[in-house]
């Protein structure tokens, strides 16, 4: 750590235990780069004396010396920015350096100019000054002429109103702020930076490292990817779902986005977010090369969207309704965030379906717009299965990566060939394990469907499915008949010397303007016991489910 000697105005270097326990630190807005005194300028008295920044350093060190501090730190000259390794270490350590300082002098160079008051100072709009405001145990403010304005504790109410930073943070004593920060939702901490700017786009992420207690390498030139990386690092450290409580209005009301925000400005309305329960009760999630992987419940909306609760709410909401986001299934268990212009909440609790999904990490805006057409045809050539009634248990679907458990369908968009099956188990007088195998070739032009049970003449097909050999399953299943329009056929067996018939049917129908293969199965015994297994056509069942869920339609959450 490099520090200024307040008496000699020379830079001295310390490391480890030799770092002074007491030093002053400066917070300020930079002048134009060529006006600031840099590390390279020291040792060149004629050069450094001509810069506006030198006068600022001189006043700062004189004030520190008057208050009994031998050493001081200034970001303009105490970092050798031409040494990228040192710059990276400094930026990753800066929050700690401010937190360990004895006092931070905040120099507001515009306060007192043309009547500018404290709360209107541009100092509050800079990204780097956020950590400089909250990390030190003591902050003292000075105007353009180095006249004392007051301490952070004295000005707490004004600062809180200007920044929306929690009062508990502003009045925190020595060594307490880092622990207190972990108790504040990620979204609310992000909101503190929403109105701030930096000269380099990447610094919008780097200036927040200490606020979230993470470290990461600097990659100048990556643009907003730096903020994506910041969120990835935060996700490694906490399962606070409020990190996804951002909103970003777009030109297209149907625009699609990834799960991660593109900048702190997306959290502008998150300043009153509170957690609905301790995060230890939240599901585990992690970033993978397929997106954010999470196993949790979602509620299916009548418009086909999935509501994902973020397990947080607004402090102003008397009903403490959970805020959430809307997702759309892209197929392959991959989801995109939808309608990002606001957060959403449910008027009433909705039945949830637990499933594992992957939510795309981020999408560039131009890519997101092109997805609108693709998402409109997401259900083309899907195999749809209506809900199972009593006495029929869903066991599994393979391949599970193409199965949508909430929609009960195989989403096959874009595939030239498909093979899969759904396994069921019936109970009652006619216990039976059976599968409905299905597939197509030619991009959906040649569909087939097959019914097979575990203990009759089709058991070899059932066993093939259980072995996972989908290629062989296609050969065996397609030989039982190619389904062009509507067709039904059955299997017979005897239970207690009475005939039991399973009959299968499939027809092509339209779902949201796209052709789908709608499957139904019946089970019947001759004593009149009719068990309707997936007998209702898919789109009719989906419509009934939507009617049942109508009271739970997502309502816009008040900011």
Protein backbone atom coordinates (compact mmCIF):
# COMPACT_ATOMS: atom_id res chain seq x y z
CA UNK A 1 0.00 0.00 0.00
CA UNK A 2 1.41 3.37 -1.02
CA UNK A 3 0.83 6.30 1.35
CA UNK A 4 1.75 9.97 1.32
CA UNK A 5 3.96 11.28 4.08
CA UNK A 6 1.94 14.31 5.18
CA UNK A 7 5.07 16.20 6.25
CA UNK A 8 7.34 15.61 3.25
CA UNK A 9 4.59 15.05 0.64
CA UNK A 10 6.57 12.06 -0.60
CA UNK A 11 5.09 8.66 -1.44
CA UNK A 12 6.15 5.79 0.81
CA UNK A 13 5.36 2.10 0.35
CA UNK A 14 4.21 -0.31 3.07
CA UNK A 15 3.19 -3.97 3.15
CA UNK A 16 1.76 -6.43 5.63
CA UNK A 17 2.18 -5.49 9.28
CA UNK A 18 4.18 -2.39 8.38
CA UNK A 19 1.06 -0.62 7.05
CA UNK A 20 0.24 2.18 9.52
CA UNK A 21 -2.82 1.52 11.65
CA UNK A 22 -3.80 5.19 11.49
CA UNK A 23 -4.08 7.18 8.26
CA UNK A 24 -6.41 9.66 6.57
CA UNK A 25 -7.98 8.96 3.18
CA UNK A 26 -9.45 11.29 0.55
CA UNK A 27 -12.74 11.03 -1.34
CA UNK A 28 -13.20 13.44 -4.23
CA UNK A 29 -14.26 13.87 -7.83
CA UNK A 30 -11.43 13.76 -10.33
CA UNK A 31 -10.57 16.81 -12.37
CA UNK A 32 -9.71 16.23 -16.02
CA UNK A 33 -7.11 13.45 -16.13
CA UNK A 34 -4.31 15.81 -17.17
CA UNK A 35 -5.06 18.05 -14.16
CA UNK A 36 -4.62 15.32 -11.53
CA UNK A 37 -1.21 14.63 -9.98
CA UNK A 38 -0.34 11.00 -10.71
CA UNK A 39 2.20 8.61 -9.25
CA UNK A 40 4.49 9.30 -12.22
CA UNK A 41 4.34 13.07 -11.57
CA UNK A 42 5.90 12.76 -8.13
CA UNK A 43 9.61 13.37 -8.41
CA UNK A 44 8.92 16.03 -11.05
CA UNK A 45 8.31 19.16 -8.92
CA UNK A 46 7.85 21.48 -11.89
CA UNK A 47 5.23 19.21 -13.47
CA UNK A 48 3.23 18.39 -10.36
CA UNK A 49 3.10 22.00 -9.13
CA UNK A 50 1.27 23.12 -12.28
CA UNK A 51 -1.64 20.71 -11.81
CA UNK A 52 -4.90 21.59 -10.09
CA UNK A 53 -4.86 18.24 -8.34
CA UNK A 54 -1.65 19.13 -6.53
CA UNK A 55 -3.33 21.97 -4.64
CA UNK A 56 -6.03 19.52 -3.53
CA UNK A 57 -3.43 17.04 -2.28
CA UNK A 58 -1.54 19.79 -0.47
CA UNK A 59 -4.69 20.97 1.39
CA UNK A 60 -5.64 17.38 2.21
CA UNK A 61 -2.25 16.51 3.71
CA UNK A 62 -2.10 19.75 5.68
CA UNK A 63 -5.54 19.03 7.18
CA UNK A 64 -4.54 15.45 8.01
CA UNK A 65 -1.34 16.63 9.67
CA UNK A 66 -3.26 19.20 11.73
CA UNK A 67 -5.51 16.41 13.01
CA UNK A 68 -2.56 14.23 13.98
CA UNK A 69 -2.18 11.87 11.00
CA UNK A 70 1.29 11.24 9.63
CA UNK A 71 0.14 9.38 6.53
CA UNK A 72 -2.60 9.83 3.96
CA UNK A 73 -3.92 8.07 0.85
CA UNK A 74 -5.16 9.60 -2.40
CA UNK A 75 -6.28 7.47 -5.34
CA UNK A 76 -4.73 9.78 -7.96
CA UNK A 77 -1.13 9.37 -6.82
CA UNK A 78 -0.98 6.38 -4.44
CA UNK A 79 -1.57 3.83 -7.22
CA UNK A 80 0.83 3.24 -10.08
CA UNK A 81 -1.83 2.86 -12.75
CA UNK A 82 0.77 1.94 -15.36
CA UNK A 83 1.33 -1.28 -13.42
CA UNK A 84 -1.82 -3.27 -14.21
CA UNK A 85 -1.14 -5.85 -11.49
CA UNK A 86 -0.91 -3.09 -8.90
CA UNK A 87 -4.06 -1.42 -10.27
CA UNK A 88 -6.00 -4.69 -10.04
CA UNK A 89 -4.85 -5.28 -6.47
CA UNK A 90 -5.68 -1.71 -5.50
CA UNK A 91 -9.22 -1.79 -6.90
CA UNK A 92 -9.91 -5.12 -5.22
CA UNK A 93 -8.52 -3.75 -1.92
CA UNK A 94 -9.95 -0.24 -2.03
CA UNK A 95 -13.06 -0.88 0.06
CA UNK A 96 -10.85 -2.42 2.75
CA UNK A 97 -8.47 0.56 2.65
CA UNK A 98 -11.34 3.00 3.15
CA UNK A 99 -12.86 0.82 5.88
CA UNK A 100 -9.56 0.69 7.81
CA UNK A 101 -8.84 4.41 7.57
CA UNK A 102 -9.11 6.55 10.69
CA UNK A 103 -10.99 9.28 8.83
CA UNK A 104 -12.16 10.00 5.30
CA UNK A 105 -12.24 13.60 4.11
CA UNK A 106 -14.88 14.05 1.39
CA UNK A 107 -13.90 17.08 -0.67
CA UNK A 108 -16.93 18.43 -2.57
CA UNK A 109 -15.36 20.78 -5.09
CA UNK A 110 -18.71 22.06 -6.37
CA UNK A 111 -20.37 22.87 -3.04
CA UNK A 112 -20.29 26.63 -2.54
CA UNK A 113 -20.02 27.29 -6.27
CA UNK A 114 -23.03 29.26 -7.52
CA UNK A 115 -24.97 28.29 -4.44
CA UNK A 116 -24.67 24.50 -4.94
CA UNK A 117 -25.72 22.76 -1.71
CA UNK A 118 -24.53 19.47 -0.26
CA UNK A 119 -27.42 17.37 -1.54
CA UNK A 120 -26.96 18.70 -5.08
CA UNK A 121 -23.25 17.96 -5.28
CA UNK A 122 -22.07 15.88 -8.23
CA UNK A 123 -20.04 13.89 -5.72
CA UNK A 124 -23.18 11.83 -5.05
CA UNK A 125 -23.45 10.83 -8.73
CA UNK A 126 -20.05 9.15 -9.04
CA UNK A 127 -19.72 5.38 -8.88
CA UNK A 128 -16.52 5.28 -6.86
CA UNK A 129 -17.80 7.61 -4.13
CA UNK A 130 -20.44 5.07 -3.05
CA UNK A 131 -17.92 2.84 -1.27
CA UNK A 132 -16.03 5.95 -0.13
CA UNK A 133 -19.21 7.11 1.60
CA UNK A 134 -20.15 3.88 3.36
CA UNK A 135 -16.87 2.03 4.05
CA UNK A 136 -15.04 4.43 6.44
CA UNK A 137 -16.02 4.52 10.09
CA UNK A 138 -15.86 8.33 9.96
CA UNK A 139 -16.48 10.69 7.02
CA UNK A 140 -16.10 14.47 7.19
CA UNK A 141 -17.35 16.75 4.41
CA UNK A 142 -15.64 19.90 3.13
CA UNK A 143 -16.67 22.47 0.52
CA UNK A 144 -14.61 23.86 -2.36
CA UNK A 145 -12.60 26.10 0.01
CA UNK A 146 -12.03 23.30 2.52
CA UNK A 147 -14.55 24.73 4.94
CA UNK A 148 -16.00 22.03 7.19
CA UNK A 149 -19.63 21.13 6.36
CA UNK A 150 -20.26 18.33 8.82
CA UNK A 151 -19.74 14.62 9.46
CA UNK A 152 -21.62 11.72 7.92
CA UNK A 153 -23.30 11.16 11.29
CA UNK A 154 -24.34 14.83 11.51
CA UNK A 155 -25.68 14.88 7.95
CA UNK A 156 -27.18 11.40 8.04
CA UNK A 157 -30.78 12.43 7.28
CA UNK A 158 -29.80 14.60 4.31
CA UNK A 159 -27.51 11.89 2.91
CA UNK A 160 -30.10 9.15 3.39
CA UNK A 161 -32.71 11.20 1.55
CA UNK A 162 -30.26 11.92 -1.28
CA UNK A 163 -28.89 8.39 -1.70
CA UNK A 164 -31.55 5.98 -0.31
CA UNK A 165 -28.74 4.23 1.55
CA UNK A 166 -29.95 2.54 4.73
CA UNK A 167 -29.50 4.69 7.81
CA UNK A 168 -27.98 1.74 9.67
CA UNK A 169 -25.09 1.83 7.20
CA UNK A 170 -24.58 5.57 7.44
CA UNK A 171 -24.33 5.51 11.25
CA UNK A 172 -22.31 2.28 11.47
CA UNK A 173 -19.30 2.45 13.73
CA UNK A 174 -15.79 1.22 13.17
CA UNK A 175 -15.53 -2.30 11.75
CA UNK A 176 -19.29 -2.87 11.54
CA UNK A 177 -20.22 -1.87 8.01
CA UNK A 178 -18.96 -5.00 6.22
CA UNK A 179 -21.08 -7.23 8.46
CA UNK A 180 -24.12 -4.98 8.15
CA UNK A 181 -23.93 -4.98 4.36
CA UNK A 182 -24.52 -8.73 4.24
CA UNK A 183 -27.89 -8.25 5.98
CA UNK A 184 -29.20 -5.96 3.24
CA UNK A 185 -30.77 -7.56 0.12
CA UNK A 186 -28.56 -7.58 -2.95
CA UNK A 187 -31.17 -5.69 -4.98
CA UNK A 188 -31.33 -2.87 -2.43
CA UNK A 189 -27.55 -2.50 -2.39
CA UNK A 190 -27.57 -2.42 -6.19
CA UNK A 191 -30.16 0.37 -6.11
CA UNK A 192 -27.66 2.62 -4.31
CA UNK A 193 -25.55 2.59 -7.48
CA UNK A 194 -28.43 2.99 -9.94
CA UNK A 195 -28.03 6.73 -10.42
CA UNK A 196 -24.23 6.79 -10.47
CA UNK A 197 -21.80 6.99 -13.37
CA UNK A 198 -18.14 6.29 -14.07
CA UNK A 199 -15.81 7.39 -16.87
CA UNK A 200 -15.18 3.78 -17.90
CA UNK A 201 -18.21 1.53 -18.35
CA UNK A 202 -16.40 -1.37 -16.68
CA UNK A 203 -15.88 0.69 -13.52
CA UNK A 204 -19.64 0.56 -12.84
CA UNK A 205 -18.93 -3.03 -11.83
CA UNK A 206 -15.46 -2.63 -10.34
CA UNK A 207 -16.54 0.18 -7.98
CA UNK A 208 -19.05 -2.23 -6.37
CA UNK A 209 -16.69 -5.08 -5.53
CA UNK A 210 -16.36 -4.10 -1.87
CA UNK A 211 -20.08 -3.38 -1.46
CA UNK A 212 -20.73 -7.06 -2.22
CA UNK A 213 -17.57 -8.49 -0.69
CA UNK A 214 -16.26 -10.08 -3.90
CA UNK A 215 -13.07 -9.89 -5.94
CA UNK A 216 -12.49 -10.29 -9.66
CA UNK A 217 -9.86 -9.50 -12.31
CA UNK A 218 -10.10 -6.29 -14.32
CA UNK A 219 -10.73 -6.57 -18.06
CA UNK A 220 -10.99 -3.10 -19.51
CA UNK A 221 -12.57 -3.24 -22.94
CA UNK A 222 -15.26 -5.77 -22.04
CA UNK A 223 -17.95 -3.11 -21.53
CA UNK A 224 -21.11 -4.24 -19.76
CA UNK A 225 -19.79 -7.80 -19.51
CA UNK A 226 -17.97 -6.57 -16.39
CA UNK A 227 -21.32 -6.08 -14.67
CA UNK A 228 -22.39 -9.55 -15.78
CA UNK A 229 -19.22 -10.96 -14.20
CA UNK A 230 -19.89 -9.03 -11.01
CA UNK A 231 -23.31 -10.67 -10.68
CA UNK A 232 -21.76 -14.08 -11.34
CA UNK A 233 -19.31 -13.50 -8.49
CA UNK A 234 -22.12 -12.39 -6.17
CA UNK A 235 -24.10 -15.54 -7.04
CA UNK A 236 -21.11 -17.65 -5.95
CA UNK A 237 -21.35 -16.09 -2.48
CA UNK A 238 -25.10 -15.87 -1.79
CA UNK A 239 -28.41 -17.44 -2.81
CA UNK A 240 -30.31 -14.18 -2.28
CA UNK A 241 -32.88 -14.26 -5.09
CA UNK A 242 -33.34 -10.49 -4.98
CA UNK A 243 -30.33 -10.19 -7.29
CA UNK A 244 -32.88 -10.90 -10.03
CA UNK A 245 -35.29 -8.17 -8.83
CA UNK A 246 -34.45 -5.71 -11.59
CA UNK A 247 -36.53 -4.13 -14.31
CA UNK A 248 -35.55 -2.72 -17.69
CA UNK A 249 -38.19 -1.16 -19.96
CA UNK A 250 -37.69 -1.98 -23.63
CA UNK A 251 -39.09 -0.72 -26.90
CA UNK A 252 -40.76 -4.08 -27.44
CA UNK A 253 -43.30 -5.12 -24.77
CA UNK A 254 -42.55 -8.75 -25.67
CA UNK A 255 -38.79 -8.38 -25.46
CA UNK A 256 -36.76 -11.23 -24.00
CA UNK A 257 -33.75 -10.94 -21.72
CA UNK A 258 -31.45 -13.15 -19.72
CA UNK A 259 -31.68 -13.49 -15.94
CA UNK A 260 -28.84 -11.02 -15.24
CA UNK A 261 -29.13 -7.23 -15.44
CA UNK A 262 -26.98 -5.21 -17.82
CA UNK A 263 -26.22 -2.30 -15.44
CA UNK A 264 -26.98 -1.01 -11.91
CA UNK A 265 -29.61 1.32 -13.39
CA UNK A 266 -31.91 -1.70 -13.76
CA UNK A 267 -32.24 -1.72 -9.94
CA UNK A 268 -33.51 1.86 -9.70
CA UNK A 269 -36.86 0.83 -8.17
CA UNK A 270 -35.38 -1.78 -5.78
CA UNK A 271 -34.59 0.63 -2.94
CA UNK A 272 -37.47 -0.66 -0.78
CA UNK A 273 -36.94 -4.40 -1.35
CA UNK A 274 -36.98 -6.56 1.79
CA UNK A 275 -36.56 -10.32 2.07
CA UNK A 276 -39.68 -12.35 2.83
CA UNK A 277 -37.71 -15.03 4.66
CA UNK A 278 -34.14 -15.93 5.51
CA UNK A 279 -32.10 -16.85 2.45
CA UNK A 280 -31.18 -20.22 4.00
CA UNK A 281 -34.67 -21.31 2.89
CA UNK A 282 -34.03 -20.26 -0.73
CA UNK A 283 -33.14 -22.86 -3.35
CA UNK A 284 -29.58 -23.40 -4.40
CA UNK A 285 -28.64 -22.06 -7.82
CA UNK A 286 -25.48 -21.64 -9.86
CA UNK A 287 -24.22 -20.35 -13.18
CA UNK A 288 -23.48 -23.11 -15.71
CA UNK A 289 -22.52 -23.07 -19.39
CA UNK A 290 -26.24 -23.51 -20.16
CA UNK A 291 -27.37 -20.62 -18.00
CA UNK A 292 -28.49 -20.22 -14.40
CA UNK A 293 -29.46 -23.68 -13.10
CA UNK A 294 -32.14 -23.71 -10.42
CA UNK A 295 -34.57 -26.29 -9.09
CA UNK A 296 -37.63 -24.55 -7.70
CA UNK A 297 -41.37 -24.09 -8.09
CA UNK A 298 -42.90 -21.86 -10.75
CA UNK A 299 -46.56 -21.03 -11.28
CA UNK A 300 -47.93 -21.36 -14.80
CA UNK A 301 -49.85 -18.30 -15.99
CA UNK A 302 -52.77 -18.42 -18.46
CA UNK A 303 -50.60 -16.75 -21.12
CA UNK A 304 -48.04 -19.57 -20.89
CA UNK A 305 -45.53 -17.62 -18.81
CA UNK A 306 -43.96 -19.03 -15.66
CA UNK A 307 -43.99 -16.89 -12.52
CA UNK A 308 -40.80 -17.31 -10.48
CA UNK A 309 -41.04 -15.93 -6.96
CA UNK A 310 -37.95 -14.05 -5.77
CA UNK A 311 -39.03 -14.44 -2.14
CA UNK A 312 -38.88 -10.73 -1.44
CA UNK A 313 -41.42 -7.92 -1.29
CA UNK A 314 -41.69 -4.16 -1.03
CA UNK A 315 -41.64 -2.68 2.46
CA UNK A 316 -44.56 -0.46 1.41
CA UNK A 317 -46.76 -3.44 0.45
CA UNK A 318 -49.13 -4.17 3.36
CA UNK A 319 -49.85 -7.61 1.94
CA UNK A 320 -46.16 -8.51 1.65
CA UNK A 321 -46.87 -10.10 -1.72
CA UNK A 322 -43.87 -11.90 -3.14
CA UNK A 323 -42.28 -10.15 -6.08
CA UNK A 324 -41.29 -12.25 -9.02
CA UNK A 325 -40.34 -12.34 -12.67
CA UNK A 326 -41.95 -13.92 -15.73
CA UNK A 327 -40.16 -16.59 -17.74
CA UNK A 328 -40.91 -18.20 -21.10
CA UNK A 329 -39.91 -21.74 -22.02
CA UNK A 330 -37.51 -21.83 -24.97
CA UNK A 331 -37.36 -25.62 -25.09
CA UNK A 332 -34.67 -27.94 -23.80
CA UNK A 333 -35.47 -26.76 -20.24
CA UNK A 334 -34.01 -23.37 -21.21
CA UNK A 335 -35.98 -20.29 -20.18
CA UNK A 336 -35.77 -16.59 -20.97
CA UNK A 337 -36.90 -13.67 -18.88
CA UNK A 338 -40.00 -12.03 -20.37
CA UNK A 339 -41.67 -8.64 -19.95
CA UNK A 340 -38.79 -7.10 -18.03
CA UNK A 341 -40.28 -3.61 -17.79
CA UNK A 342 -41.50 -4.30 -14.26
CA UNK A 343 -41.50 -6.79 -11.43
CA UNK A 344 -44.65 -8.84 -10.88
CA UNK A 345 -46.60 -10.24 -7.96
CA UNK A 346 -49.48 -12.69 -7.54
CA UNK A 347 -52.83 -11.58 -6.19
CA UNK A 348 -53.41 -15.05 -4.76
CA UNK A 349 -51.23 -18.07 -4.18
CA UNK A 350 -50.93 -20.25 -7.24
CA UNK A 351 -50.24 -23.98 -7.54
CA UNK A 352 -46.53 -24.42 -8.18
CA UNK A 353 -44.70 -27.10 -10.11
CA UNK A 354 -41.15 -27.91 -9.05
CA UNK A 355 -38.74 -28.48 -11.89
CA UNK A 356 -35.13 -27.92 -12.84
CA UNK A 357 -34.59 -25.21 -15.40
CA UNK A 358 -31.80 -23.25 -17.01
CA UNK A 359 -32.35 -19.52 -17.44
CA UNK A 360 -30.20 -17.85 -20.06
CA UNK A 361 -27.58 -15.64 -18.44
CA UNK A 362 -27.90 -12.62 -20.71
CA UNK A 363 -28.92 -11.67 -24.22
CA UNK A 364 -27.67 -8.81 -26.32
CA UNK A 365 -30.64 -6.54 -27.21
CA UNK A 366 -30.46 -7.23 -30.95
CA UNK A 367 -30.42 -10.98 -30.32
CA UNK A 368 -33.34 -10.68 -27.91
CA UNK A 369 -35.49 -8.97 -30.53
CA UNK A 370 -34.88 -11.72 -33.08
CA UNK A 371 -36.11 -14.30 -30.58
CA UNK A 372 -39.65 -12.92 -30.63
CA UNK A 373 -40.45 -14.78 -33.86
CA UNK A 374 -38.77 -17.97 -32.66
CA UNK A 375 -40.70 -17.93 -29.39
CA UNK A 376 -43.97 -17.50 -31.27
CA UNK A 377 -43.39 -20.91 -32.86
CA UNK A 378 -42.01 -22.63 -29.77
CA UNK A 379 -44.81 -25.24 -29.68
CA UNK A 380 -44.54 -26.34 -33.32
CA UNK A 381 -44.55 -30.16 -33.50
CA UNK A 382 -44.75 -30.55 -29.73
CA UNK A 383 -46.18 -33.80 -28.31
CA UNK A 384 -48.85 -32.78 -25.79
CA UNK A 385 -50.18 -34.91 -22.92
CA UNK A 386 -53.30 -33.84 -20.95
CA UNK A 387 -53.25 -34.11 -17.14
CA UNK A 388 -53.45 -37.50 -15.44
CA UNK A 389 -56.61 -38.29 -13.41
CA UNK A 390 -56.81 -40.23 -10.13
CA UNK A 391 -55.46 -43.79 -10.26
CA UNK A 392 -52.86 -42.81 -12.84
CA UNK A 393 -49.38 -41.74 -11.77
CA UNK A 394 -46.84 -39.99 -13.97
CA UNK A 395 -43.48 -41.73 -13.50
CA UNK A 396 -41.01 -40.08 -15.85
CA UNK A 397 -40.42 -38.64 -19.30
CA UNK A 398 -37.39 -39.16 -21.51
CA UNK A 399 -35.49 -37.31 -22.80
CA UNK A 400 -36.08 -35.15 -19.74
CA UNK A 401 -34.19 -32.26 -21.32
CA UNK A 402 -37.04 -31.79 -23.82
CA UNK A 403 -39.88 -32.45 -21.38
CA UNK A 404 -41.78 -29.49 -19.95
CA UNK A 405 -43.30 -30.75 -16.70
CA UNK A 406 -45.41 -27.63 -16.24
CA UNK A 407 -46.90 -27.85 -19.75
CA UNK A 408 -46.84 -31.68 -19.97
CA UNK A 409 -45.28 -31.70 -23.40
CA UNK A 410 -42.16 -32.53 -25.33
CA UNK A 411 -40.96 -29.27 -26.92
CA UNK A 412 -39.27 -30.26 -30.16
CA UNK A 413 -38.93 -26.97 -32.05
CA UNK A 414 -36.05 -27.02 -34.51
CA UNK A 415 -35.47 -30.79 -34.35
CA UNK A 416 -35.40 -32.83 -37.56
CA UNK A 417 -35.97 -36.08 -35.66
CA UNK A 418 -37.35 -36.79 -32.22
CA UNK A 419 -37.88 -39.91 -30.12
CA UNK A 420 -39.17 -40.07 -26.56
CA UNK A 421 -41.61 -41.64 -24.14
CA UNK A 422 -43.66 -40.95 -21.04
CA UNK A 423 -44.06 -43.67 -18.41
CA UNK A 424 -47.22 -44.06 -16.32
CA UNK A 425 -48.42 -46.40 -13.60
CA UNK A 426 -52.10 -47.21 -13.02
CA UNK A 427 -53.58 -48.42 -9.75
CA UNK A 428 -56.78 -50.14 -8.70
CA UNK A 429 -58.18 -53.31 -10.18
CA UNK A 430 -55.89 -53.03 -13.17
CA UNK A 431 -52.42 -52.18 -11.89
CA UNK A 432 -50.13 -51.65 -14.83
CA UNK A 433 -46.95 -49.93 -15.96
CA UNK A 434 -47.14 -48.58 -19.46
CA UNK A 435 -45.49 -46.04 -21.73
CA UNK A 436 -46.61 -43.75 -24.49
CA UNK A 437 -43.72 -43.58 -26.94
CA UNK A 438 -43.70 -40.99 -29.68
CA UNK A 439 -41.47 -39.41 -32.28
CA UNK A 440 -41.13 -38.09 -35.78
CA UNK A 441 -38.75 -37.79 -38.70
CA UNK A 442 -38.61 -35.23 -41.47
CA UNK A 443 -38.99 -32.26 -39.14
CA UNK A 444 -42.40 -33.44 -37.96
CA UNK A 445 -43.71 -34.67 -41.30
CA UNK A 446 -43.81 -38.34 -40.22
CA UNK A 447 -45.04 -38.60 -36.61
CA UNK A 448 -45.65 -41.86 -34.80
CA UNK A 449 -47.02 -42.88 -31.42
CA UNK A 450 -46.97 -46.23 -29.66
CA UNK A 451 -48.51 -47.72 -26.51
CA UNK A 452 -46.60 -50.45 -24.66
CA UNK A 453 -47.07 -52.19 -21.31
CA UNK A 454 -44.71 -54.12 -19.06
CA UNK A 455 -46.51 -57.47 -19.11
CA UNK A 456 -48.10 -58.22 -22.47
CA UNK A 457 -47.09 -58.68 -26.09
CA UNK A 458 -45.60 -55.17 -26.20
CA UNK A 459 -43.29 -55.72 -23.22
CA UNK A 460 -40.23 -55.78 -25.50
CA UNK A 461 -41.02 -52.19 -26.51
CA UNK A 462 -41.51 -51.24 -22.85
CA UNK A 463 -38.16 -52.81 -21.92
CA UNK A 464 -36.43 -51.01 -24.79
CA UNK A 465 -37.74 -47.70 -23.46
CA UNK A 466 -36.59 -48.54 -19.94
CA UNK A 467 -33.11 -49.34 -21.29
CA UNK A 468 -32.85 -45.83 -22.71
CA UNK A 469 -32.21 -47.00 -26.28
CA UNK A 470 -34.31 -44.37 -28.05
CA UNK A 471 -32.97 -45.26 -31.50
CA UNK A 472 -34.24 -48.84 -31.16
CA UNK A 473 -37.45 -47.49 -29.63
CA UNK A 474 -38.03 -45.44 -32.79
CA UNK A 475 -37.70 -48.54 -34.97
CA UNK A 476 -40.04 -50.66 -32.83
CA UNK A 477 -42.54 -47.89 -32.15
CA UNK A 478 -42.82 -46.53 -35.67
CA UNK A 479 -43.47 -50.04 -37.01
CA UNK A 480 -46.76 -50.07 -35.10
CA UNK A 481 -48.17 -47.35 -37.34
CA UNK A 482 -47.46 -43.88 -38.67
CA UNK A 483 -49.98 -41.32 -37.45
CA UNK A 484 -51.07 -39.00 -40.21
CA UNK A 485 -54.29 -37.55 -38.78
CA UNK A 486 -56.39 -39.06 -36.01
CA UNK A 487 -55.96 -42.71 -35.10
CA UNK A 488 -56.65 -44.94 -32.12
CA UNK A 489 -55.66 -48.49 -31.25
CA UNK A 490 -55.37 -50.48 -28.06
CA UNK A 491 -53.85 -53.22 -25.94
CA UNK A 492 -55.86 -55.88 -24.13
CA UNK A 493 -55.09 -57.86 -20.98
CA UNK A 494 -57.13 -59.66 -18.33
CA UNK A 495 -57.41 -58.84 -14.64
CA UNK A 496 -59.33 -61.23 -12.42
CA UNK A 497 -60.46 -62.94 -15.62
CA UNK A 498 -61.99 -59.74 -16.98
CA UNK A 499 -60.73 -57.85 -20.05
CA UNK A 500 -58.90 -54.54 -19.61
CA UNK A 501 -58.33 -52.33 -22.64
CA UNK A 502 -55.86 -49.47 -23.02
CA UNK A 503 -56.60 -47.42 -26.12
CA UNK A 504 -54.39 -44.72 -27.60
CA UNK A 505 -55.26 -41.81 -29.82
CA UNK A 506 -53.47 -38.88 -31.37
CA UNK A 507 -54.43 -36.06 -33.66
CA UNK A 508 -52.88 -32.89 -34.98
CA UNK A 509 -54.36 -29.77 -33.41
CA UNK A 510 -53.45 -26.10 -33.19
CA UNK A 511 -51.97 -24.58 -30.03
CA UNK A 512 -51.29 -20.84 -30.05
CA UNK A 513 -51.37 -20.96 -33.83
CA UNK A 514 -48.89 -23.84 -34.13
CA UNK A 515 -49.52 -27.51 -35.04
CA UNK A 516 -49.05 -29.93 -32.15
CA UNK A 517 -49.58 -33.66 -31.72
CA UNK A 518 -52.29 -34.11 -29.08
CA UNK A 519 -52.29 -37.53 -27.37
CA UNK A 520 -54.96 -39.22 -25.27
CA UNK A 521 -55.25 -42.66 -23.63
CA UNK A 522 -58.26 -44.52 -22.17
CA UNK A 523 -58.39 -47.53 -19.82
CA UNK A 524 -61.57 -49.60 -19.57
CA UNK A 525 -62.74 -52.85 -17.96
CA UNK A 526 -65.90 -54.68 -18.88
CA UNK A 527 -67.49 -54.13 -15.41
CA UNK A 528 -67.96 -50.50 -16.32
CA UNK A 529 -64.95 -49.09 -14.52
CA UNK A 530 -63.87 -46.33 -16.90
CA UNK A 531 -60.65 -44.60 -15.97
CA UNK A 532 -60.07 -41.65 -18.31
CA UNK A 533 -56.37 -41.47 -18.76
CA UNK A 534 -55.44 -38.25 -20.57
CA UNK A 535 -58.72 -38.38 -22.44
CA UNK A 536 -59.32 -34.62 -22.66
CA UNK A 537 -57.56 -33.05 -25.66
CA UNK A 538 -54.50 -31.08 -24.61
CA UNK A 539 -55.60 -27.57 -25.53
CA UNK A 540 -58.96 -28.08 -23.79
CA UNK A 541 -57.19 -29.24 -20.62
CA UNK A 542 -54.82 -26.30 -20.83
CA UNK A 543 -57.75 -23.95 -21.21
CA UNK A 544 -59.45 -25.40 -18.13
CA UNK A 545 -56.24 -25.06 -16.14
CA UNK A 546 -55.93 -21.44 -17.23
CA UNK A 547 -59.49 -20.75 -16.06
CA UNK A 548 -58.69 -22.27 -12.68
CA UNK A 549 -55.60 -20.09 -12.38
CA UNK A 550 -57.26 -16.86 -13.58
CA UNK A 551 -57.39 -15.34 -10.06
CA UNK A 552 -53.62 -15.73 -9.80
CA UNK A 553 -52.71 -13.75 -12.92
CA UNK A 554 -49.56 -11.75 -12.30
CA UNK A 555 -50.26 -8.14 -11.42
CA UNK A 556 -47.77 -5.34 -11.86
CA UNK A 557 -45.95 -4.61 -8.62
CA UNK A 558 -46.10 -1.02 -7.49
CA UNK A 559 -42.62 0.56 -7.47
